[in-house]
């Protein structure tokens, strides 16, 4: 998506990025929590010293 979270997360959990993107979009549409989860994962991505 915008910040590269799906690509980063797909490498960590061995799931294709397109499925993660679909999941985030569905989470935004159905529950509205996808944006918050995406931002939290972005912070984890930045703070992690891979």
C-alpha atoms as a PDB file:
ATOM      1  CA  UNK A   1       0.000   0.000   0.000  1.00  0.00           C
ATOM      2  CA  UNK A   2       1.525   3.312   0.967  1.00  0.00           C
ATOM      3  CA  UNK A   3       4.224   2.621   3.564  1.00  0.00           C
ATOM      4  CA  UNK A   4       5.454  -0.826   2.492  1.00  0.00           C
ATOM      5  CA  UNK A   5       4.007  -2.679   5.463  1.00  0.00           C
ATOM      6  CA  UNK A   6       2.429  -5.467   3.415  1.00  0.00           C
ATOM      7  CA  UNK A   7       5.660  -6.262   1.579  1.00  0.00           C
ATOM      8  CA  UNK A   8       7.619  -6.230   4.841  1.00  0.00           C
ATOM      9  CA  UNK A   9       5.060  -8.375   6.653  1.00  0.00           C
ATOM     10  CA  UNK A  10       4.771 -10.849   3.775  1.00  0.00           C
ATOM     11  CA  UNK A  11       8.466 -11.616   4.115  1.00  0.00           C
ATOM     12  CA  UNK A  12       8.090 -12.196   7.838  1.00  0.00           C
ATOM     13  CA  UNK A  13       5.104 -14.557   7.752  1.00  0.00           C
ATOM     14  CA  UNK A  14       5.552 -16.114   4.269  1.00  0.00           C
ATOM     15  CA  UNK A  15       2.200 -14.968   2.865  1.00  0.00           C
ATOM     16  CA  UNK A  16       1.836 -13.185  -0.444  1.00  0.00           C
ATOM     17  CA  UNK A  17       1.537  -9.411  -0.100  1.00  0.00           C
ATOM     18  CA  UNK A  18      -1.625  -9.287  -2.209  1.00  0.00           C
ATOM     19  CA  UNK A  19      -3.501 -11.379   0.371  1.00  0.00           C
ATOM     20  CA  UNK A  20      -2.374  -9.078   3.158  1.00  0.00           C
ATOM     21  CA  UNK A  21      -3.516  -6.049   1.170  1.00  0.00           C
ATOM     22  CA  UNK A  22      -6.924  -7.616   0.643  1.00  0.00           C
ATOM     23  CA  UNK A  23      -7.117  -8.351   4.358  1.00  0.00           C
ATOM     24  CA  UNK A  24      -6.287  -4.757   5.295  1.00  0.00           C
ATOM     25  CA  UNK A  25      -8.865  -3.383   2.867  1.00  0.00           C
ATOM     26  CA  UNK A  26     -11.537  -5.718   4.226  1.00  0.00           C
ATOM     27  CA  UNK A  27     -10.600  -4.760   7.790  1.00  0.00           C
ATOM     28  CA  UNK A  28     -11.036  -1.075   6.933  1.00  0.00           C
ATOM     29  CA  UNK A  29     -14.358  -1.616   5.207  1.00  0.00           C
ATOM     30  CA  UNK A  30     -15.889  -4.040   7.701  1.00  0.00           C
ATOM     31  CA  UNK A  31     -14.509  -2.976  11.057  1.00  0.00           C
ATOM     32  CA  UNK A  32     -12.537   0.217  10.536  1.00  0.00           C
ATOM     33  CA  UNK A  33      -9.572  -1.202  12.449  1.00  0.00           C
ATOM     34  CA  UNK A  34      -7.346  -1.811   9.445  1.00  0.00           C
ATOM     35  CA  UNK A  35      -5.933   1.718   9.441  1.00  0.00           C
ATOM     36  CA  UNK A  36      -4.916   1.553  13.091  1.00  0.00           C
ATOM     37  CA  UNK A  37      -3.378  -1.898  12.640  1.00  0.00           C
ATOM     38  CA  UNK A  38      -1.500  -0.707   9.546  1.00  0.00           C
ATOM     39  CA  UNK A  39      -0.053   2.281  11.425  1.00  0.00           C
ATOM     40  CA  UNK A  40       0.981   0.112  14.370  1.00  0.00           C
ATOM     41  CA  UNK A  41       2.740  -2.322  12.037  1.00  0.00           C
ATOM     42  CA  UNK A  42       4.467   0.612  10.320  1.00  0.00           C
ATOM     43  CA  UNK A  43       5.867   1.738  13.679  1.00  0.00           C
ATOM     44  CA  UNK A  44       7.026  -1.812  14.420  1.00  0.00           C
ATOM     45  CA  UNK A  45       8.687  -1.934  11.004  1.00  0.00           C
ATOM     46  CA  UNK A  46      10.555   1.312  11.648  1.00  0.00           C
ATOM     47  CA  UNK A  47      11.652   0.404  15.176  1.00  0.00           C
ATOM     48  CA  UNK A  48      12.752  -3.121  14.343  1.00  0.00           C
ATOM     49  CA  UNK A  49      16.484  -3.470  13.754  1.00  0.00           C
ATOM     50  CA  UNK A  50      16.238  -6.275  11.224  1.00  0.00           C
END
